[in-house]
Every structure is written in C-alpha cells, then in structure tokens.
Amino acid sequence: MVSTNFVRGIRGATTVDEDSAEQVGEAARELLRVIVEQNQLDVASIASVYFTVTGDLSAGFPAAGARQMPGWDLVPMLCAREMEVTGALAKCIRVLMHVNTTLRQDQIKHVYLRGAVNLRPDLA
C-alpha cells in the first residue's frame, strides 16, 4: 500500500518564568524538540511554524530561538501577539506547526509543557 502525505497541524504551548530573550528562546527550542520527538518528525518535513506569545512577553522572538537549532534556519516561522483575554495563562508561548506526514490526525501528539500542561488536556 502506498502511503499518502498530508499537511497536518500540531499544537503546543509552554510558559516561561520571566520575560527574557534567553528564556523565550530556550522554551521555544524545548517545545519544538519535544514535538519533533513525540511525532517522530524530520525537520525537512516541517512546512511552517507559527508562534504566538502573550502580551507580557516582549524580550525576544520564539522563532529567533528556534533558528538556533541545527537545520531549523530554513523552516519558515512567524511570531504574533496572542489575544488579550482576561484570566488567560500568563507568559505563555503557543505554537502551531504545519508538517508533511503520513500520520493520521488521531496519531498526532500535541505537546503542552511547564505551566501550559492544563490548557488542552483533550489534545495532550
């Protein structure tokens, strides 16, 4: 049987303790590493990565931190500000990664780390 590739979205989120470029970069790298490991991805299969950050994070771009990882300099990435919602999780970095894969949607492993572990228990 021939396997068919699909473009799938993988969600994830994490938090940092303080607004610093170092913490934002490290958290972004950790999140991406875990997503890649849990979904057994090759970086070449990643079509794009879209990050959002909460309004209390402005010291650095998650994408800048991610580009420090070997092979990630060619992955298209974009960062944006998350909506301001009363009571939302603070100091949060969210990601939507688009990948080319043979995995079915029910096989995708979404990743929530640190303070973000309870954001989407239905996906995690």
PDB file of N, CA and C in Angstrom:
ATOM      1  N   MET A   1       0.839  -1.177   0.000  1.00  0.00           N
ATOM      2  CA  MET A   1       0.000   0.000   0.000  1.00  0.00           C
ATOM      3  C   MET A   1       0.892   1.252   0.000  1.00  0.00           C
ATOM      4  N   VAL A   2       0.528   2.207  -0.804  1.00  0.00           N
ATOM      5  CA  VAL A   2       1.274   3.461  -0.887  1.00  0.00           C
ATOM      6  C   VAL A   2       0.774   4.412   0.197  1.00  0.00           C
ATOM      7  N   SER A   3       1.720   4.974   0.963  1.00  0.00           N
ATOM      8  CA  SER A   3       1.308   5.935   1.997  1.00  0.00           C
ATOM      9  C   SER A   3       1.136   7.307   1.367  1.00  0.00           C
ATOM     10  N   THR A   4       0.185   8.047   1.868  1.00  0.00           N
ATOM     11  CA  THR A   4      -0.111   9.371   1.361  1.00  0.00           C
ATOM     12  C   THR A   4       0.303  10.407   2.387  1.00  0.00           C
ATOM     13  N   ASN A   5       1.004  11.443   1.915  1.00  0.00           N
ATOM     14  CA  ASN A   5       1.371  12.543   2.810  1.00  0.00           C
ATOM     15  C   ASN A   5       0.236  13.552   2.891  1.00  0.00           C
ATOM     16  N   PHE A   6       0.043  14.072   4.078  1.00  0.00           N
ATOM     17  CA  PHE A   6      -0.919  15.123   4.330  1.00  0.00           C
ATOM     18  C   PHE A   6      -0.209  16.259   5.041  1.00  0.00           C
ATOM     19  N   VAL A   7      -0.737  17.452   4.950  1.00  0.00           N
ATOM     20  CA  VAL A   7      -0.269  18.546   5.789  1.00  0.00           C
ATOM     21  C   VAL A   7      -1.131  18.507   7.043  1.00  0.00           C
ATOM     22  N   ARG A   8      -0.482  18.349   8.187  1.00  0.00           N
ATOM     23  CA  ARG A   8      -1.175  18.274   9.462  1.00  0.00           C
ATOM     24  C   ARG A   8      -0.693  19.393  10.367  1.00  0.00           C
ATOM     25  N   GLY A   9      -1.545  19.815  11.265  1.00  0.00           N
ATOM     26  CA  GLY A   9      -1.183  20.807  12.254  1.00  0.00           C
ATOM     27  C   GLY A   9      -0.916  20.143  13.591  1.00  0.00           C
ATOM     28  N   ILE A  10       0.146  20.586  14.245  1.00  0.00           N
ATOM     29  CA  ILE A  10       0.472  20.096  15.580  1.00  0.00           C
ATOM     30  C   ILE A  10       0.493  21.293  16.514  1.00  0.00           C
ATOM     31  N   ARG A  11      -0.274  21.205  17.583  1.00  0.00           N
ATOM     32  CA  ARG A  11      -0.377  22.284  18.558  1.00  0.00           C
ATOM     33  C   ARG A  11       0.535  22.031  19.735  1.00  0.00           C
ATOM     34  N   GLY A  12       0.900  23.131  20.391  1.00  0.00           N
ATOM     35  CA  GLY A  12       1.678  23.017  21.604  1.00  0.00           C
ATOM     36  C   GLY A  12       1.754  24.355  22.317  1.00  0.00           C
ATOM     37  N   ALA A  13       2.186  24.320  23.565  1.00  0.00           N
ATOM     38  CA  ALA A  13       2.354  25.544  24.346  1.00  0.00           C
ATOM     39  C   ALA A  13       3.295  25.272  25.503  1.00  0.00           C
ATOM     40  N   THR A  14       3.883  26.339  25.993  1.00  0.00           N
ATOM     41  CA  THR A  14       4.750  26.280  27.156  1.00  0.00           C
ATOM     42  C   THR A  14       4.732  27.641  27.825  1.00  0.00           C
ATOM     43  N   THR A  15       5.384  27.745  28.948  1.00  0.00           N
ATOM     44  CA  THR A  15       5.469  29.026  29.647  1.00  0.00           C
ATOM     45  C   THR A  15       6.914  29.295  30.042  1.00  0.00           C
ATOM     46  N   VAL A  16       7.171  30.540  30.402  1.00  0.00           N
ATOM     47  CA  VAL A  16       8.474  30.946  30.950  1.00  0.00           C
ATOM     48  C   VAL A  16       8.234  31.615  32.289  1.00  0.00           C
ATOM     49  N   ASP A  17       9.284  31.671  33.107  1.00  0.00           N
ATOM     50  CA  ASP A  17       9.179  32.306  34.412  1.00  0.00           C
ATOM     51  C   ASP A  17       9.343  33.815  34.343  1.00  0.00           C
ATOM     52  N   GLU A  18      10.164  34.262  33.377  1.00  0.00           N
ATOM     53  CA  GLU A  18      10.394  35.703  33.238  1.00  0.00           C
ATOM     54  C   GLU A  18      10.514  36.075  31.776  1.00  0.00           C
ATOM     55  N   ASP A  19      10.279  37.332  31.495  1.00  0.00           N
ATOM     56  CA  ASP A  19      10.348  37.845  30.129  1.00  0.00           C
ATOM     57  C   ASP A  19      11.796  38.161  29.778  1.00  0.00           C
ATOM     58  N   SER A  20      12.500  37.171  29.266  1.00  0.00           N
ATOM     59  CA  SER A  20      13.871  37.371  28.800  1.00  0.00           C
ATOM     60  C   SER A  20      14.042  36.630  27.481  1.00  0.00           C
ATOM     61  N   ALA A  21      14.878  37.160  26.618  1.00  0.00           N
ATOM     62  CA  ALA A  21      15.126  36.512  25.328  1.00  0.00           C
ATOM     63  C   ALA A  21      15.662  35.102  25.529  1.00  0.00           C
ATOM     64  N   GLU A  22      16.491  34.914  26.555  1.00  0.00           N
ATOM     65  CA  GLU A  22      17.067  33.598  26.822  1.00  0.00           C
ATOM     66  C   GLU A  22      15.981  32.580  27.178  1.00  0.00           C
ATOM     67  N   GLN A  23      15.075  32.975  28.090  1.00  0.00           N
ATOM     68  CA  GLN A  23      14.019  32.033  28.487  1.00  0.00           C
ATOM     69  C   GLN A  23      13.043  31.766  27.348  1.00  0.00           C
ATOM     70  N   VAL A  24      12.688  32.790  26.589  1.00  0.00           N
ATOM     71  CA  VAL A  24      11.769  32.596  25.460  1.00  0.00           C
ATOM     72  C   VAL A  24      12.406  31.661  24.434  1.00  0.00           C
ATOM     73  N   GLY A  25      13.679  31.883  24.119  1.00  0.00           N
ATOM     74  CA  GLY A  25      14.368  31.033  23.148  1.00  0.00           C
ATOM     75  C   GLY A  25      14.498  29.601  23.623  1.00  0.00           C
ATOM     76  N   GLU A  26      14.888  29.410  24.875  1.00  0.00           N
ATOM     77  CA  GLU A  26      15.041  28.065  25.433  1.00  0.00           C
ATOM     78  C   GLU A  26      13.703  27.336  25.467  1.00  0.00           C
ATOM     79  N   ALA A  27      12.642  28.017  25.885  1.00  0.00           N
ATOM     80  CA  ALA A  27      11.312  27.390  25.944  1.00  0.00           C
ATOM     81  C   ALA A  27      10.829  26.994  24.549  1.00  0.00           C
ATOM     82  N   ALA A  28      11.069  27.851  23.561  1.00  0.00           N
ATOM     83  CA  ALA A  28      10.671  27.539  22.185  1.00  0.00           C
ATOM     84  C   ALA A  28      11.435  26.324  21.670  1.00  0.00           C
ATOM     85  N   ARG A  29      12.737  26.278  21.912  1.00  0.00           N
ATOM     86  CA  ARG A  29      13.538  25.131  21.464  1.00  0.00           C
ATOM     87  C   ARG A  29      13.080  23.840  22.136  1.00  0.00           C
ATOM     88  N   GLU A  30      12.836  23.903  23.449  1.00  0.00           N
ATOM     89  CA  GLU A  30      12.373  22.715  24.166  1.00  0.00           C
ATOM     90  C   GLU A  30      11.044  22.222  23.591  1.00  0.00           C
ATOM     91  N   LEU A  31      10.117  23.138  23.378  1.00  0.00           N
ATOM     92  CA  LEU A  31       8.798  22.772  22.852  1.00  0.00           C
ATOM     93  C   LEU A  31       8.921  22.111  21.482  1.00  0.00           C
ATOM     94  N   LEU A  32       9.712  22.705  20.600  1.00  0.00           N
ATOM     95  CA  LEU A  32       9.867  22.133  19.263  1.00  0.00           C
ATOM     96  C   LEU A  32      10.564  20.780  19.310  1.00  0.00           C
ATOM     97  N   ARG A  33      11.594  20.645  20.142  1.00  0.00           N
ATOM     98  CA  ARG A  33      12.292  19.357  20.268  1.00  0.00           C
ATOM     99  C   ARG A  33      11.331  18.252  20.705  1.00  0.00           C
ATOM    100  N   VAL A  34      10.489  18.551  21.689  1.00  0.00           N
ATOM    101  CA  VAL A  34       9.554  17.532  22.193  1.00  0.00           C
ATOM    102  C   VAL A  34       8.507  17.189  21.134  1.00  0.00           C
ATOM    103  N   ILE A  35       8.003  18.181  20.430  1.00  0.00           N
ATOM    104  CA  ILE A  35       7.034  17.911  19.350  1.00  0.00           C
ATOM    105  C   ILE A  35       7.655  17.004  18.294  1.00  0.00           C
ATOM    106  N   VAL A  36       8.877  17.318  17.878  1.00  0.00           N
ATOM    107  CA  VAL A  36       9.567  16.517  16.860  1.00  0.00           C
ATOM    108  C   VAL A  36       9.788  15.087  17.368  1.00  0.00           C
ATOM    109  N   GLU A  37      10.250  14.947  18.598  1.00  0.00           N
ATOM    110  CA  GLU A  37      10.499  13.612  19.163  1.00  0.00           C
ATOM    111  C   GLU A  37       9.218  12.799  19.272  1.00  0.00           C
ATOM    112  N   GLN A  38       8.171  13.395  19.850  1.00  0.00           N
ATOM    113  CA  GLN A  38       6.943  12.633  20.094  1.00  0.00           C
ATOM    114  C   GLN A  38       6.213  12.257  18.810  1.00  0.00           C
ATOM    115  N   ASN A  39       6.418  13.037  17.756  1.00  0.00           N
ATOM    116  CA  ASN A  39       5.753  12.749  16.484  1.00  0.00           C
ATOM    117  C   ASN A  39       6.697  12.128  15.465  1.00  0.00           C
ATOM    118  N   GLN A  40       7.925  11.829  15.894  1.00  0.00           N
ATOM    119  CA  GLN A  40       8.942  11.197  15.044  1.00  0.00           C
ATOM    120  C   GLN A  40       9.073  11.915  13.704  1.00  0.00           C
ATOM    121  N   LEU A  41       9.304  13.230  13.789  1.00  0.00           N
ATOM    122  CA  LEU A  41       9.397  14.061  12.599  1.00  0.00           C
ATOM    123  C   LEU A  41      10.839  14.279  12.170  1.00  0.00           C
ATOM    124  N   ASP A  42      11.009  14.527  10.902  1.00  0.00           N
ATOM    125  CA  ASP A  42      12.264  15.002  10.341  1.00  0.00           C
ATOM    126  C   ASP A  42      12.060  16.501  10.103  1.00  0.00           C
ATOM    127  N   VAL A  43      13.034  17.313  10.453  1.00  0.00           N
ATOM    128  CA  VAL A  43      12.888  18.768  10.294  1.00  0.00           C
ATOM    129  C   VAL A  43      12.529  19.129   8.855  1.00  0.00           C
ATOM    130  N   ALA A  44      13.012  18.360   7.883  1.00  0.00           N
ATOM    131  CA  ALA A  44      12.708  18.634   6.473  1.00  0.00           C
ATOM    132  C   ALA A  44      11.216  18.478   6.160  1.00  0.00           C
ATOM    133  N   SER A  45      10.469  17.787   7.019  1.00  0.00           N
ATOM    134  CA  SER A  45       9.029  17.604   6.785  1.00  0.00           C
ATOM    135  C   SER A  45       8.194  18.762   7.328  1.00  0.00           C
ATOM    136  N   ILE A  46       8.828  19.694   8.034  1.00  0.00           N
ATOM    137  CA  ILE A  46       8.088  20.803   8.636  1.00  0.00           C
ATOM    138  C   ILE A  46       7.850  21.885   7.588  1.00  0.00           C
ATOM    139  N   ALA A  47       6.584  22.179   7.317  1.00  0.00           N
ATOM    140  CA  ALA A  47       6.229  23.178   6.305  1.00  0.00           C
ATOM    141  C   ALA A  47       6.347  24.591   6.862  1.00  0.00           C
ATOM    142  N   SER A  48       5.899  24.809   8.097  1.00  0.00           N
ATOM    143  CA  SER A  48       5.988  26.131   8.717  1.00  0.00           C
ATOM    144  C   SER A  48       5.664  26.025  10.201  1.00  0.00           C
ATOM    145  N   VAL A  49       6.057  27.080  10.931  1.00  0.00           N
ATOM    146  CA  VAL A  49       5.803  27.154  12.363  1.00  0.00           C
ATOM    147  C   VAL A  49       5.267  28.547  12.671  1.00  0.00           C
ATOM    148  N   TYR A  50       4.147  28.595  13.379  1.00  0.00           N
ATOM    149  CA  TYR A  50       3.515  29.861  13.757  1.00  0.00           C
ATOM    150  C   TYR A  50       3.478  29.935  15.280  1.00  0.00           C
ATOM    151  N   PHE A  51       4.192  30.895  15.838  1.00  0.00           N
ATOM    152  CA  PHE A  51       4.221  31.115  17.271  1.00  0.00           C
ATOM    153  C   PHE A  51       3.328  32.286  17.649  1.00  0.00           C
ATOM    154  N   THR A  52       2.707  32.206  18.817  1.00  0.00           N
ATOM    155  CA  THR A  52       2.104  33.380  19.437  1.00  0.00           C
ATOM    156  C   THR A  52       2.643  33.472  20.857  1.00  0.00           C
ATOM    157  N   VAL A  53       2.696  34.702  21.368  1.00  0.00           N
ATOM    158  CA  VAL A  53       3.108  34.932  22.750  1.00  0.00           C
ATOM    159  C   VAL A  53       2.086  35.842  23.414  1.00  0.00           C
ATOM    160  N   THR A  54       1.938  35.691  24.723  1.00  0.00           N
ATOM    161  CA  THR A  54       1.042  36.568  25.464  1.00  0.00           C
ATOM    162  C   THR A  54       1.661  37.961  25.567  1.00  0.00           C
ATOM    163  N   GLY A  55       0.835  38.944  25.870  1.00  0.00           N
ATOM    164  CA  GLY A  55       1.258  40.337  25.891  1.00  0.00           C
ATOM    165  C   GLY A  55       2.338  40.668  26.902  1.00  0.00           C
ATOM    166  N   ASP A  56       2.571  39.798  27.870  1.00  0.00           N
ATOM    167  CA  ASP A  56       3.605  40.050  28.869  1.00  0.00           C
ATOM    168  C   ASP A  56       4.982  39.548  28.435  1.00  0.00           C
ATOM    169  N   LEU A  57       5.104  39.064  27.200  1.00  0.00           N
ATOM    170  CA  LEU A  57       6.394  38.622  26.660  1.00  0.00           C
ATOM    171  C   LEU A  57       6.789  39.508  25.486  1.00  0.00           C
ATOM    172  N   SER A  58       7.873  40.233  25.655  1.00  0.00           N
ATOM    173  CA  SER A  58       8.327  41.122  24.575  1.00  0.00           C
ATOM    174  C   SER A  58       9.849  41.189  24.451  1.00  0.00           C
ATOM    175  N   ALA A  59      10.580  40.370  25.202  1.00  0.00           N
ATOM    176  CA  ALA A  59      12.043  40.447  25.207  1.00  0.00           C
ATOM    177  C   ALA A  59      12.691  39.706  24.038  1.00  0.00           C
ATOM    178  N   GLY A  60      11.981  38.782  23.426  1.00  0.00           N
ATOM    179  CA  GLY A  60      12.580  38.019  22.333  1.00  0.00           C
ATOM    180  C   GLY A  60      11.537  37.267  21.542  1.00  0.00           C
ATOM    181  N   PHE A  61      11.924  36.912  20.321  1.00  0.00           N
ATOM    182  CA  PHE A  61      11.046  36.147  19.433  1.00  0.00           C
ATOM    183  C   PHE A  61      11.291  34.648  19.619  1.00  0.00           C
ATOM    184  N   PRO A  62      10.248  33.847  19.805  1.00  0.00           N
ATOM    185  CA  PRO A  62      10.445  32.399  19.858  1.00  0.00           C
ATOM    186  C   PRO A  62      11.125  31.858  18.595  1.00  0.00           C
ATOM    187  N   ALA A  63      10.789  32.419  17.448  1.00  0.00           N
ATOM    188  CA  ALA A  63      11.392  31.958  16.191  1.00  0.00           C
ATOM    189  C   ALA A  63      12.894  32.187  16.171  1.00  0.00           C
ATOM    190  N   ALA A  64      13.362  33.280  16.759  1.00  0.00           N
ATOM    191  CA  ALA A  64      14.805  33.540  16.810  1.00  0.00           C
ATOM    192  C   ALA A  64      15.500  32.454  17.621  1.00  0.00           C
ATOM    193  N   GLY A  65      14.888  32.043  18.707  1.00  0.00           N
ATOM    194  CA  GLY A  65      15.445  30.953  19.499  1.00  0.00           C
ATOM    195  C   GLY A  65      15.418  29.641  18.738  1.00  0.00           C
ATOM    196  N   ALA A  66      14.329  29.369  18.037  1.00  0.00           N
ATOM    197  CA  ALA A  66      14.191  28.122  17.283  1.00  0.00           C
ATOM    198  C   ALA A  66      15.225  28.021  16.168  1.00  0.00           C
ATOM    199  N   ARG A  67      15.546  29.137  15.539  1.00  0.00           N
ATOM    200  CA  ARG A  67      16.509  29.121  14.431  1.00  0.00           C
ATOM    201  C   ARG A  67      17.928  28.791  14.884  1.00  0.00           C
ATOM    202  N   GLN A  68      18.170  28.759  16.169  1.00  0.00           N
ATOM    203  CA  GLN A  68      19.481  28.375  16.693  1.00  0.00           C
ATOM    204  C   GLN A  68      19.691  26.862  16.651  1.00  0.00           C
ATOM    205  N   MET A  69      18.609  26.107  16.445  1.00  0.00           N
ATOM    206  CA  MET A  69      18.728  24.649  16.397  1.00  0.00           C
ATOM    207  C   MET A  69      19.220  24.232  15.009  1.00  0.00           C
ATOM    208  N   PRO A  70      20.084  23.213  14.954  1.00  0.00           N
ATOM    209  CA  PRO A  70      20.587  22.749  13.658  1.00  0.00           C
ATOM    210  C   PRO A  70      19.456  22.363  12.702  1.00  0.00           C
ATOM    211  N   GLY A  71      19.501  22.879  11.475  1.00  0.00           N
ATOM    212  CA  GLY A  71      18.527  22.550  10.442  1.00  0.00           C
ATOM    213  C   GLY A  71      17.267  23.385  10.446  1.00  0.00           C
ATOM    214  N   TRP A  72      17.074  24.197  11.467  1.00  0.00           N
ATOM    215  CA  TRP A  72      15.838  24.973  11.578  1.00  0.00           C
ATOM    216  C   TRP A  72      15.921  26.330  10.888  1.00  0.00           C
ATOM    217  N   ASP A  73      17.074  26.710  10.382  1.00  0.00           N
ATOM    218  CA  ASP A  73      17.225  28.030   9.756  1.00  0.00           C
ATOM    219  C   ASP A  73      16.441  28.150   8.453  1.00  0.00           C
ATOM    220  N   LEU A  74      16.061  27.033   7.838  1.00  0.00           N
ATOM    221  CA  LEU A  74      15.303  27.079   6.586  1.00  0.00           C
ATOM    222  C   LEU A  74      13.797  26.902   6.780  1.00  0.00           C
ATOM    223  N   VAL A  75      13.375  26.621   8.005  1.00  0.00           N
ATOM    224  CA  VAL A  75      11.942  26.440   8.279  1.00  0.00           C
ATOM    225  C   VAL A  75      11.276  27.815   8.367  1.00  0.00           C
ATOM    226  N   PRO A  76      10.240  28.076   7.556  1.00  0.00           N
ATOM    227  CA  PRO A  76       9.538  29.357   7.667  1.00  0.00           C
ATOM    228  C   PRO A  76       8.833  29.467   9.020  1.00  0.00           C
ATOM    229  N   MET A  77       9.092  30.579   9.726  1.00  0.00           N
ATOM    230  CA  MET A  77       8.493  30.790  11.042  1.00  0.00           C
ATOM    231  C   MET A  77       7.966  32.208  11.143  1.00  0.00           C
ATOM    232  N   LEU A  78       6.926  32.363  11.945  1.00  0.00           N
ATOM    233  CA  LEU A  78       6.294  33.657  12.150  1.00  0.00           C
ATOM    234  C   LEU A  78       5.865  33.764  13.605  1.00  0.00           C
ATOM    235  N   CYS A  79       5.983  34.962  14.166  1.00  0.00           N
ATOM    236  CA  CYS A  79       5.553  35.212  15.545  1.00  0.00           C
ATOM    237  C   CYS A  79       4.461  36.282  15.549  1.00  0.00           C
ATOM    238  N   ALA A  80       3.532  36.162  16.492  1.00  0.00           N
ATOM    239  CA  ALA A  80       2.451  37.139  16.634  1.00  0.00           C
ATOM    240  C   ALA A  80       2.077  37.252  18.107  1.00  0.00           C
ATOM    241  N   ARG A  81       1.326  38.286  18.415  1.00  0.00           N
ATOM    242  CA  ARG A  81       0.837  38.531  19.773  1.00  0.00           C
ATOM    243  C   ARG A  81      -0.474  37.790  19.965  1.00  0.00           C
ATOM    244  N   GLU A  82      -0.608  37.110  21.077  1.00  0.00           N
ATOM    245  CA  GLU A  82      -1.839  36.392  21.427  1.00  0.00           C
ATOM    246  C   GLU A  82      -2.925  37.398  21.808  1.00  0.00           C
ATOM    247  N   MET A  83      -4.168  37.036  21.639  1.00  0.00           N
ATOM    248  CA  MET A  83      -5.281  37.870  22.084  1.00  0.00           C
ATOM    249  C   MET A  83      -5.189  38.117  23.582  1.00  0.00           C
ATOM    250  N   GLU A  84      -5.585  39.289  24.021  1.00  0.00           N
ATOM    251  CA  GLU A  84      -5.634  39.612  25.452  1.00  0.00           C
ATOM    252  C   GLU A  84      -6.982  39.140  26.004  1.00  0.00           C
ATOM    253  N   VAL A  85      -6.959  38.061  26.763  1.00  0.00           N
ATOM    254  CA  VAL A  85      -8.182  37.502  27.330  1.00  0.00           C
ATOM    255  C   VAL A  85      -8.042  37.500  28.849  1.00  0.00           C
ATOM    256  N   THR A  86      -9.016  38.061  29.527  1.00  0.00           N
ATOM    257  CA  THR A  86      -8.992  38.114  30.987  1.00  0.00           C
ATOM    258  C   THR A  86      -8.874  36.711  31.568  1.00  0.00           C
ATOM    259  N   GLY A  87      -7.926  36.527  32.457  1.00  0.00           N
ATOM    260  CA  GLY A  87      -7.735  35.251  33.124  1.00  0.00           C
ATOM    261  C   GLY A  87      -6.910  34.237  32.340  1.00  0.00           C
ATOM    262  N   ALA A  88      -6.412  34.620  31.167  1.00  0.00           N
ATOM    263  CA  ALA A  88      -5.626  33.686  30.358  1.00  0.00           C
ATOM    264  C   ALA A  88      -4.276  33.409  31.018  1.00  0.00           C
ATOM    265  N   LEU A  89      -3.690  32.292  30.681  1.00  0.00           N
ATOM    266  CA  LEU A  89      -2.388  31.896  31.202  1.00  0.00           C
ATOM    267  C   LEU A  89      -1.330  32.937  30.832  1.00  0.00           C
ATOM    268  N   ALA A  90      -0.563  33.374  31.807  1.00  0.00           N
ATOM    269  CA  ALA A  90       0.467  34.398  31.598  1.00  0.00           C
ATOM    270  C   ALA A  90       1.774  33.778  31.097  1.00  0.00           C
ATOM    271  N   LYS A  91       2.590  34.645  30.473  1.00  0.00           N
ATOM    272  CA  LYS A  91       3.932  34.263  29.993  1.00  0.00           C
ATOM    273  C   LYS A  91       3.905  32.962  29.207  1.00  0.00           C
ATOM    274  N   CYS A  92       3.002  32.907  28.266  1.00  0.00           N
ATOM    275  CA  CYS A  92       2.749  31.685  27.503  1.00  0.00           C
ATOM    276  C   CYS A  92       3.183  31.837  26.046  1.00  0.00           C
ATOM    277  N   ILE A  93       3.835  30.803  25.550  1.00  0.00           N
ATOM    278  CA  ILE A  93       4.228  30.699  24.143  1.00  0.00           C
ATOM    279  C   ILE A  93       3.415  29.554  23.555  1.00  0.00           C
ATOM    280  N   ARG A  94       2.680  29.847  22.496  1.00  0.00           N
ATOM    281  CA  ARG A  94       1.898  28.808  21.817  1.00  0.00           C
ATOM    282  C   ARG A  94       2.489  28.586  20.436  1.00  0.00           C
ATOM    283  N   VAL A  95       2.292  27.397  19.891  1.00  0.00           N
ATOM    284  CA  VAL A  95       2.809  27.087  18.565  1.00  0.00           C
ATOM    285  C   VAL A  95       1.789  26.271  17.781  1.00  0.00           C
ATOM    286  N   LEU A  96       1.763  26.531  16.486  1.00  0.00           N
ATOM    287  CA  LEU A  96       1.044  25.696  15.524  1.00  0.00           C
ATOM    288  C   LEU A  96       2.063  25.340  14.450  1.00  0.00           C
ATOM    289  N   MET A  97       2.432  24.071  14.416  1.00  0.00           N
ATOM    290  CA  MET A  97       3.422  23.585  13.457  1.00  0.00           C
ATOM    291  C   MET A  97       2.698  22.840  12.344  1.00  0.00           C
ATOM    292  N   HIS A  98       2.979  23.200  11.101  1.00  0.00           N
ATOM    293  CA  HIS A  98       2.415  22.507   9.948  1.00  0.00           C
ATOM    294  C   HIS A  98       3.468  21.537   9.419  1.00  0.00           C
ATOM    295  N   VAL A  99       3.093  20.260   9.322  1.00  0.00           N
ATOM    296  CA  VAL A  99       4.047  19.245   8.892  1.00  0.00           C
ATOM    297  C   VAL A  99       3.471  18.397   7.767  1.00  0.00           C
ATOM    298  N   ASN A 100       4.355  17.911   6.909  1.00  0.00           N
ATOM    299  CA  ASN A 100       4.003  16.938   5.883  1.00  0.00           C
ATOM    300  C   ASN A 100       4.254  15.563   6.489  1.00  0.00           C
ATOM    301  N   THR A 101       3.200  14.755   6.575  1.00  0.00           N
ATOM    302  CA  THR A 101       3.323  13.494   7.290  1.00  0.00           C
ATOM    303  C   THR A 101       2.339  12.459   6.760  1.00  0.00           C
ATOM    304  N   THR A 102       2.625  11.225   7.067  1.00  0.00           N
ATOM    305  CA  THR A 102       1.685  10.144   6.772  1.00  0.00           C
ATOM    306  C   THR A 102       0.813   9.834   7.988  1.00  0.00           C
ATOM    307  N   LEU A 103       1.074  10.499   9.114  1.00  0.00           N
ATOM    308  CA  LEU A 103       0.278  10.276  10.319  1.00  0.00           C
ATOM    309  C   LEU A 103      -1.168  10.720  10.110  1.00  0.00           C
ATOM    310  N   ARG A 104      -2.085   9.935  10.681  1.00  0.00           N
ATOM    311  CA  ARG A 104      -3.486  10.358  10.706  1.00  0.00           C
ATOM    312  C   ARG A 104      -3.645  11.410  11.803  1.00  0.00           C
ATOM    313  N   GLN A 105      -4.718  12.175  11.742  1.00  0.00           N
ATOM    314  CA  GLN A 105      -4.938  13.210  12.758  1.00  0.00           C
ATOM    315  C   GLN A 105      -5.002  12.627  14.162  1.00  0.00           C
ATOM    316  N   ASP A 106      -5.575  11.447  14.307  1.00  0.00           N
ATOM    317  CA  ASP A 106      -5.660  10.852  15.645  1.00  0.00           C
ATOM    318  C   ASP A 106      -4.330  10.277  16.130  1.00  0.00           C
ATOM    319  N   GLN A 107      -3.311  10.293  15.288  1.00  0.00           N
ATOM    320  CA  GLN A 107      -1.977   9.838  15.682  1.00  0.00           C
ATOM    321  C   GLN A 107      -1.055  11.000  16.077  1.00  0.00           C
ATOM    322  N   ILE A 108      -1.471  12.222  15.796  1.00  0.00           N
ATOM    323  CA  ILE A 108      -0.663  13.400  16.114  1.00  0.00           C
ATOM    324  C   ILE A 108      -0.606  13.570  17.626  1.00  0.00           C
ATOM    325  N   LYS A 109       0.577  13.865  18.132  1.00  0.00           N
ATOM    326  CA  LYS A 109       0.751  14.116  19.566  1.00  0.00           C
ATOM    327  C   LYS A 109       0.992  15.610  19.773  1.00  0.00           C
ATOM    328  N   HIS A 110       0.032  16.277  20.373  1.00  0.00           N
ATOM    329  CA  HIS A 110       0.142  17.687  20.711  1.00  0.00           C
ATOM    330  C   HIS A 110       0.890  17.791  22.040  1.00  0.00           C
ATOM    331  N   VAL A 111       1.653  18.858  22.217  1.00  0.00           N
ATOM    332  CA  VAL A 111       2.575  18.926  23.351  1.00  0.00           C
ATOM    333  C   VAL A 111       2.342  20.192  24.169  1.00  0.00           C
ATOM    334  N   TYR A 112       2.110  20.010  25.452  1.00  0.00           N
ATOM    335  CA  TYR A 112       1.928  21.124  26.385  1.00  0.00           C
ATOM    336  C   TYR A 112       2.890  20.924  27.550  1.00  0.00           C
ATOM    337  N   LEU A 113       3.759  21.897  27.772  1.00  0.00           N
ATOM    338  CA  LEU A 113       4.822  21.797  28.768  1.00  0.00           C
ATOM    339  C   LEU A 113       4.689  22.865  29.834  1.00  0.00           C
ATOM    340  N   ARG A 114       5.427  22.658  30.916  1.00  0.00           N
ATOM    341  CA  ARG A 114       5.534  23.615  32.020  1.00  0.00           C
ATOM    342  C   ARG A 114       4.143  24.040  32.497  1.00  0.00           C
ATOM    343  N   GLY A 115       3.913  25.348  32.621  1.00  0.00           N
ATOM    344  CA  GLY A 115       2.630  25.848  33.113  1.00  0.00           C
ATOM    345  C   GLY A 115       1.476  25.685  32.150  1.00  0.00           C
ATOM    346  N   ALA A 116       1.763  25.228  30.932  1.00  0.00           N
ATOM    347  CA  ALA A 116       0.719  25.094  29.915  1.00  0.00           C
ATOM    348  C   ALA A 116       0.103  23.692  29.861  1.00  0.00           C
ATOM    349  N   VAL A 117       0.501  22.814  30.783  1.00  0.00           N
ATOM    350  CA  VAL A 117       0.052  21.417  30.702  1.00  0.00           C
ATOM    351  C   VAL A 117      -1.462  21.247  30.775  1.00  0.00           C
ATOM    352  N   ASN A 118      -2.164  22.179  31.399  1.00  0.00           N
ATOM    353  CA  ASN A 118      -3.615  22.033  31.538  1.00  0.00           C
ATOM    354  C   ASN A 118      -4.433  22.822  30.518  1.00  0.00           C
ATOM    355  N   LEU A 119      -3.763  23.464  29.551  1.00  0.00           N
ATOM    356  CA  LEU A 119      -4.510  24.263  28.576  1.00  0.00           C
ATOM    357  C   LEU A 119      -5.430  23.410  27.708  1.00  0.00           C
ATOM    358  N   ARG A 120      -4.944  22.301  27.214  1.00  0.00           N
ATOM    359  CA  ARG A 120      -5.743  21.446  26.335  1.00  0.00           C
ATOM    360  C   ARG A 120      -5.578  19.983  26.695  1.00  0.00           C
ATOM    361  N   PRO A 121      -6.106  19.561  27.852  1.00  0.00           N
ATOM    362  CA  PRO A 121      -5.968  18.160  28.237  1.00  0.00           C
ATOM    363  C   PRO A 121      -6.602  17.213  27.222  1.00  0.00           C
ATOM    364  N   ASP A 122      -7.566  17.708  26.442  1.00  0.00           N
ATOM    365  CA  ASP A 122      -8.191  16.873  25.420  1.00  0.00           C
ATOM    366  C   ASP A 122      -7.240  16.570  24.276  1.00  0.00           C
ATOM    367  N   LEU A 123      -6.212  17.394  24.063  1.00  0.00           N
ATOM    368  CA  LEU A 123      -5.246  17.150  22.988  1.00  0.00           C
ATOM    369  C   LEU A 123      -3.956  16.535  23.493  1.00  0.00           C
ATOM    370  N   ALA A 124      -3.597  16.821  24.718  1.00  0.00           N
ATOM    371  CA  ALA A 124      -2.263  16.454  25.203  1.00  0.00           C
ATOM    372  C   ALA A 124      -2.112  14.985  25.542  1.00  0.00           C
TER     373      ALA A 124
END
